[in-house]
Amino acid sequence: GSMQSSLPAMLGASGAMPTTTPVPPSPQALAVRVRELGSSTFRRVVLSDAEVELRINQKFRTARGPDGSELGPRKLVRLVRVCDCLEVGDDEDAALLQADDELEVTFASV
Protein backbone atom coordinates (compact mmCIF):
# COMPACT_ATOMS: atom_id res chain seq x y z
CA GLY A 1 0.00 0.00 0.00
CA SER A 2 2.89 2.42 0.59
CA MET A 3 3.73 2.60 -3.15
CA GLN A 4 0.18 3.70 -4.02
CA SER A 5 0.08 6.37 -1.31
CA SER A 6 3.40 7.94 -2.34
CA LEU A 7 2.54 8.05 -6.05
CA PRO A 8 -0.17 10.76 -5.81
CA ALA A 9 2.13 12.79 -3.54
CA MET A 10 4.91 12.67 -6.16
CA LEU A 11 2.49 13.60 -8.93
CA GLY A 12 1.09 16.45 -6.86
CA ALA A 13 4.56 17.75 -6.05
CA SER A 14 5.69 17.74 -9.68
CA GLY A 15 2.42 19.33 -10.83
CA ALA A 16 2.81 22.16 -8.32
CA MET A 17 6.10 23.33 -9.86
CA PRO A 18 5.54 24.08 -13.57
CA THR A 19 8.90 25.88 -13.72
CA THR A 20 10.68 22.52 -13.68
CA THR A 21 9.09 21.38 -16.95
CA PRO A 22 11.74 20.95 -19.64
CA VAL A 23 11.88 23.69 -22.25
CA PRO A 24 12.21 22.47 -25.84
CA PRO A 25 15.66 23.34 -27.18
CA SER A 26 15.82 26.37 -29.43
CA PRO A 27 17.07 25.85 -32.98
CA GLN A 28 20.83 25.95 -32.98
CA ALA A 29 22.75 28.05 -35.46
CA LEU A 30 25.34 26.16 -37.44
CA ALA A 31 28.22 27.81 -39.28
CA VAL A 32 29.37 26.05 -42.45
CA ARG A 33 31.70 26.99 -45.29
CA VAL A 34 30.19 27.19 -48.77
CA ARG A 35 31.77 27.72 -52.18
CA GLU A 36 30.35 27.83 -55.66
CA LEU A 37 31.14 24.94 -57.99
CA GLY A 38 34.47 25.68 -59.66
CA SER A 39 35.58 28.22 -57.05
CA SER A 40 38.56 27.73 -54.76
CA THR A 41 37.31 30.12 -52.06
CA PHE A 42 34.72 29.52 -49.35
CA ARG A 43 32.22 31.87 -47.71
CA ARG A 44 30.98 31.38 -44.14
CA VAL A 45 27.21 30.86 -43.88
CA VAL A 46 25.33 30.55 -40.59
CA LEU A 47 22.41 28.15 -40.96
CA SER A 48 19.45 27.37 -38.76
CA ASP A 49 16.66 24.81 -39.13
CA ALA A 50 14.75 24.80 -42.42
CA GLU A 51 16.64 27.83 -43.74
CA VAL A 52 19.54 26.22 -45.58
CA GLU A 53 18.62 27.29 -49.11
CA LEU A 54 17.43 30.74 -48.01
CA ARG A 55 20.59 31.52 -46.03
CA ILE A 56 22.93 30.37 -48.81
CA ASN A 57 20.97 32.41 -51.37
CA GLN A 58 21.19 35.48 -49.13
CA LYS A 59 24.95 35.08 -48.73
CA PHE A 60 25.70 34.51 -52.43
CA ARG A 61 23.34 37.08 -53.94
CA THR A 62 26.17 39.61 -53.66
CA ALA A 63 28.48 37.45 -55.79
CA ARG A 64 29.68 39.23 -58.92
CA GLY A 65 29.58 38.01 -62.48
CA PRO A 66 32.40 38.35 -65.04
CA ASP A 67 31.28 41.92 -65.82
CA GLY A 68 31.51 42.95 -62.16
CA SER A 69 27.78 43.37 -61.57
CA GLU A 70 26.05 41.61 -58.68
CA LEU A 71 24.29 38.42 -59.77
CA GLY A 72 21.46 38.90 -57.26
CA PRO A 73 19.22 36.06 -56.05
CA ARG A 74 19.70 32.81 -57.96
CA LYS A 75 18.06 29.41 -57.76
CA LEU A 76 20.10 26.87 -55.83
CA VAL A 77 20.05 23.59 -57.76
CA ARG A 78 22.55 21.44 -55.84
CA LEU A 79 24.32 21.51 -52.48
CA VAL A 80 26.97 18.88 -51.77
CA ARG A 81 29.12 18.29 -48.68
CA VAL A 82 32.69 18.08 -49.95
CA CYS A 83 34.09 15.50 -47.47
CA ASP A 84 31.70 12.67 -48.38
CA CYS A 85 29.78 13.99 -51.44
CA LEU A 86 26.49 13.98 -49.49
CA GLU A 87 23.92 15.90 -51.52
CA VAL A 88 21.84 18.03 -49.16
CA GLY A 89 18.36 17.79 -50.64
CA ASP A 90 15.98 17.99 -47.69
CA ASP A 91 15.71 18.67 -43.97
CA GLU A 92 16.85 15.14 -43.13
CA ASP A 93 20.10 15.68 -45.05
CA ALA A 94 20.52 19.16 -43.55
CA ALA A 95 20.24 17.64 -40.07
CA LEU A 96 23.46 15.71 -40.80
CA LEU A 97 25.48 18.89 -41.33
CA GLN A 98 28.04 19.76 -38.69
CA ALA A 99 29.86 22.95 -37.77
CA ASP A 100 32.60 23.89 -40.25
CA ASP A 101 31.44 21.41 -42.91
CA GLU A 102 32.57 22.46 -46.38
CA LEU A 103 29.77 22.55 -48.94
CA GLU A 104 29.77 23.16 -52.67
CA VAL A 105 26.76 24.93 -54.19
CA THR A 106 25.58 24.94 -57.79
CA PHE A 107 23.18 27.67 -58.90
CA ALA A 108 21.03 27.68 -62.01
CA SER A 109 22.88 29.50 -64.77
CA VAL A 110 22.01 33.17 -65.04
C-alpha atoms as a PDB file:
ATOM      1  CA  GLY A   1       0.000   0.000   0.000  1.00  0.00           C
ATOM      2  CA  SER A   2       2.888   2.422   0.589  1.00  0.00           C
ATOM      3  CA  MET A   3       3.725   2.599  -3.152  1.00  0.00           C
ATOM      4  CA  GLN A   4       0.183   3.701  -4.025  1.00  0.00           C
ATOM      5  CA  SER A   5       0.077   6.366  -1.314  1.00  0.00           C
ATOM      6  CA  SER A   6       3.405   7.939  -2.340  1.00  0.00           C
ATOM      7  CA  LEU A   7       2.543   8.050  -6.054  1.00  0.00           C
ATOM      8  CA  PRO A   8      -0.174  10.759  -5.812  1.00  0.00           C
ATOM      9  CA  ALA A   9       2.133  12.787  -3.535  1.00  0.00           C
ATOM     10  CA  MET A  10       4.907  12.675  -6.158  1.00  0.00           C
ATOM     11  CA  LEU A  11       2.486  13.600  -8.934  1.00  0.00           C
ATOM     12  CA  GLY A  12       1.088  16.452  -6.859  1.00  0.00           C
ATOM     13  CA  ALA A  13       4.563  17.752  -6.047  1.00  0.00           C
ATOM     14  CA  SER A  14       5.692  17.739  -9.681  1.00  0.00           C
ATOM     15  CA  GLY A  15       2.424  19.330 -10.830  1.00  0.00           C
ATOM     16  CA  ALA A  16       2.810  22.157  -8.316  1.00  0.00           C
ATOM     17  CA  MET A  17       6.099  23.332  -9.862  1.00  0.00           C
ATOM     18  CA  PRO A  18       5.535  24.077 -13.565  1.00  0.00           C
ATOM     19  CA  THR A  19       8.902  25.883 -13.717  1.00  0.00           C
ATOM     20  CA  THR A  20      10.677  22.522 -13.678  1.00  0.00           C
ATOM     21  CA  THR A  21       9.086  21.375 -16.952  1.00  0.00           C
ATOM     22  CA  PRO A  22      11.737  20.951 -19.643  1.00  0.00           C
ATOM     23  CA  VAL A  23      11.879  23.689 -22.254  1.00  0.00           C
ATOM     24  CA  PRO A  24      12.215  22.471 -25.841  1.00  0.00           C
ATOM     25  CA  PRO A  25      15.661  23.337 -27.184  1.00  0.00           C
ATOM     26  CA  SER A  26      15.815  26.375 -29.426  1.00  0.00           C
ATOM     27  CA  PRO A  27      17.068  25.846 -32.982  1.00  0.00           C
ATOM     28  CA  GLN A  28      20.830  25.951 -32.982  1.00  0.00           C
ATOM     29  CA  ALA A  29      22.747  28.055 -35.461  1.00  0.00           C
ATOM     30  CA  LEU A  30      25.337  26.157 -37.443  1.00  0.00           C
ATOM     31  CA  ALA A  31      28.222  27.815 -39.278  1.00  0.00           C
ATOM     32  CA  VAL A  32      29.368  26.054 -42.449  1.00  0.00           C
ATOM     33  CA  ARG A  33      31.704  26.994 -45.292  1.00  0.00           C
ATOM     34  CA  VAL A  34      30.195  27.192 -48.770  1.00  0.00           C
ATOM     35  CA  ARG A  35      31.769  27.720 -52.181  1.00  0.00           C
ATOM     36  CA  GLU A  36      30.353  27.826 -55.656  1.00  0.00           C
ATOM     37  CA  LEU A  37      31.143  24.935 -57.988  1.00  0.00           C
ATOM     38  CA  GLY A  38      34.468  25.680 -59.661  1.00  0.00           C
ATOM     39  CA  SER A  39      35.582  28.223 -57.046  1.00  0.00           C
ATOM     40  CA  SER A  40      38.555  27.734 -54.758  1.00  0.00           C
ATOM     41  CA  THR A  41      37.310  30.116 -52.062  1.00  0.00           C
ATOM     42  CA  PHE A  42      34.716  29.521 -49.352  1.00  0.00           C
ATOM     43  CA  ARG A  43      32.215  31.868 -47.711  1.00  0.00           C
ATOM     44  CA  ARG A  44      30.976  31.383 -44.144  1.00  0.00           C
ATOM     45  CA  VAL A  45      27.213  30.858 -43.885  1.00  0.00           C
ATOM     46  CA  VAL A  46      25.332  30.555 -40.591  1.00  0.00           C
ATOM     47  CA  LEU A  47      22.413  28.145 -40.959  1.00  0.00           C
ATOM     48  CA  SER A  48      19.447  27.368 -38.757  1.00  0.00           C
ATOM     49  CA  ASP A  49      16.664  24.810 -39.129  1.00  0.00           C
ATOM     50  CA  ALA A  50      14.754  24.800 -42.424  1.00  0.00           C
ATOM     51  CA  GLU A  51      16.637  27.828 -43.743  1.00  0.00           C
ATOM     52  CA  VAL A  52      19.538  26.217 -45.577  1.00  0.00           C
ATOM     53  CA  GLU A  53      18.617  27.295 -49.108  1.00  0.00           C
ATOM     54  CA  LEU A  54      17.433  30.738 -48.011  1.00  0.00           C
ATOM     55  CA  ARG A  55      20.587  31.518 -46.027  1.00  0.00           C
ATOM     56  CA  ILE A  56      22.927  30.369 -48.812  1.00  0.00           C
ATOM     57  CA  ASN A  57      20.971  32.410 -51.374  1.00  0.00           C
ATOM     58  CA  GLN A  58      21.194  35.484 -49.133  1.00  0.00           C
ATOM     59  CA  LYS A  59      24.951  35.082 -48.727  1.00  0.00           C
ATOM     60  CA  PHE A  60      25.697  34.514 -52.425  1.00  0.00           C
ATOM     61  CA  ARG A  61      23.335  37.082 -53.944  1.00  0.00           C
ATOM     62  CA  THR A  62      26.169  39.614 -53.663  1.00  0.00           C
ATOM     63  CA  ALA A  63      28.477  37.453 -55.790  1.00  0.00           C
ATOM     64  CA  ARG A  64      29.677  39.233 -58.916  1.00  0.00           C
ATOM     65  CA  GLY A  65      29.578  38.006 -62.476  1.00  0.00           C
ATOM     66  CA  PRO A  66      32.398  38.348 -65.039  1.00  0.00           C
ATOM     67  CA  ASP A  67      31.282  41.920 -65.820  1.00  0.00           C
ATOM     68  CA  GLY A  68      31.514  42.952 -62.156  1.00  0.00           C
ATOM     69  CA  SER A  69      27.785  43.374 -61.572  1.00  0.00           C
ATOM     70  CA  GLU A  70      26.045  41.610 -58.677  1.00  0.00           C
ATOM     71  CA  LEU A  71      24.293  38.424 -59.766  1.00  0.00           C
ATOM     72  CA  GLY A  72      21.455  38.895 -57.264  1.00  0.00           C
ATOM     73  CA  PRO A  73      19.218  36.059 -56.050  1.00  0.00           C
ATOM     74  CA  ARG A  74      19.700  32.813 -57.961  1.00  0.00           C
ATOM     75  CA  LYS A  75      18.064  29.410 -57.764  1.00  0.00           C
ATOM     76  CA  LEU A  76      20.101  26.869 -55.834  1.00  0.00           C
ATOM     77  CA  VAL A  77      20.046  23.586 -57.756  1.00  0.00           C
ATOM     78  CA  ARG A  78      22.551  21.442 -55.837  1.00  0.00           C
ATOM     79  CA  LEU A  79      24.324  21.514 -52.482  1.00  0.00           C
ATOM     80  CA  VAL A  80      26.973  18.878 -51.771  1.00  0.00           C
ATOM     81  CA  ARG A  81      29.116  18.294 -48.676  1.00  0.00           C
ATOM     82  CA  VAL A  82      32.691  18.078 -49.952  1.00  0.00           C
ATOM     83  CA  CYS A  83      34.088  15.502 -47.473  1.00  0.00           C
ATOM     84  CA  ASP A  84      31.700  12.673 -48.384  1.00  0.00           C
ATOM     85  CA  CYS A  85      29.783  13.990 -51.439  1.00  0.00           C
ATOM     86  CA  LEU A  86      26.490  13.978 -49.493  1.00  0.00           C
ATOM     87  CA  GLU A  87      23.922  15.904 -51.517  1.00  0.00           C
ATOM     88  CA  VAL A  88      21.837  18.026 -49.158  1.00  0.00           C
ATOM     89  CA  GLY A  89      18.362  17.789 -50.643  1.00  0.00           C
ATOM     90  CA  ASP A  90      15.980  17.986 -47.693  1.00  0.00           C
ATOM     91  CA  ASP A  91      15.705  18.669 -43.968  1.00  0.00           C
ATOM     92  CA  GLU A  92      16.854  15.137 -43.128  1.00  0.00           C
ATOM     93  CA  ASP A  93      20.105  15.680 -45.050  1.00  0.00           C
ATOM     94  CA  ALA A  94      20.522  19.160 -43.554  1.00  0.00           C
ATOM     95  CA  ALA A  95      20.241  17.637 -40.070  1.00  0.00           C
ATOM     96  CA  LEU A  96      23.460  15.707 -40.799  1.00  0.00           C
ATOM     97  CA  LEU A  97      25.479  18.888 -41.334  1.00  0.00           C
ATOM     98  CA  GLN A  98      28.042  19.756 -38.687  1.00  0.00           C
ATOM     99  CA  ALA A  99      29.864  22.947 -37.769  1.00  0.00           C
ATOM    100  CA  ASP A 100      32.604  23.891 -40.254  1.00  0.00           C
ATOM    101  CA  ASP A 101      31.439  21.412 -42.908  1.00  0.00           C
ATOM    102  CA  GLU A 102      32.573  22.465 -46.375  1.00  0.00           C
ATOM    103  CA  LEU A 103      29.774  22.555 -48.938  1.00  0.00           C
ATOM    104  CA  GLU A 104      29.771  23.163 -52.670  1.00  0.00           C
ATOM    105  CA  VAL A 105      26.764  24.926 -54.188  1.00  0.00           C
ATOM    106  CA  THR A 106      25.576  24.939 -57.790  1.00  0.00           C
ATOM    107  CA  PHE A 107      23.185  27.672 -58.897  1.00  0.00           C
ATOM    108  CA  ALA A 108      21.033  27.677 -62.010  1.00  0.00           C
ATOM    109  CA  SER A 109      22.875  29.498 -64.773  1.00  0.00           C
ATOM    110  CA  VAL A 110      22.007  33.174 -65.041  1.00  0.00           C
END
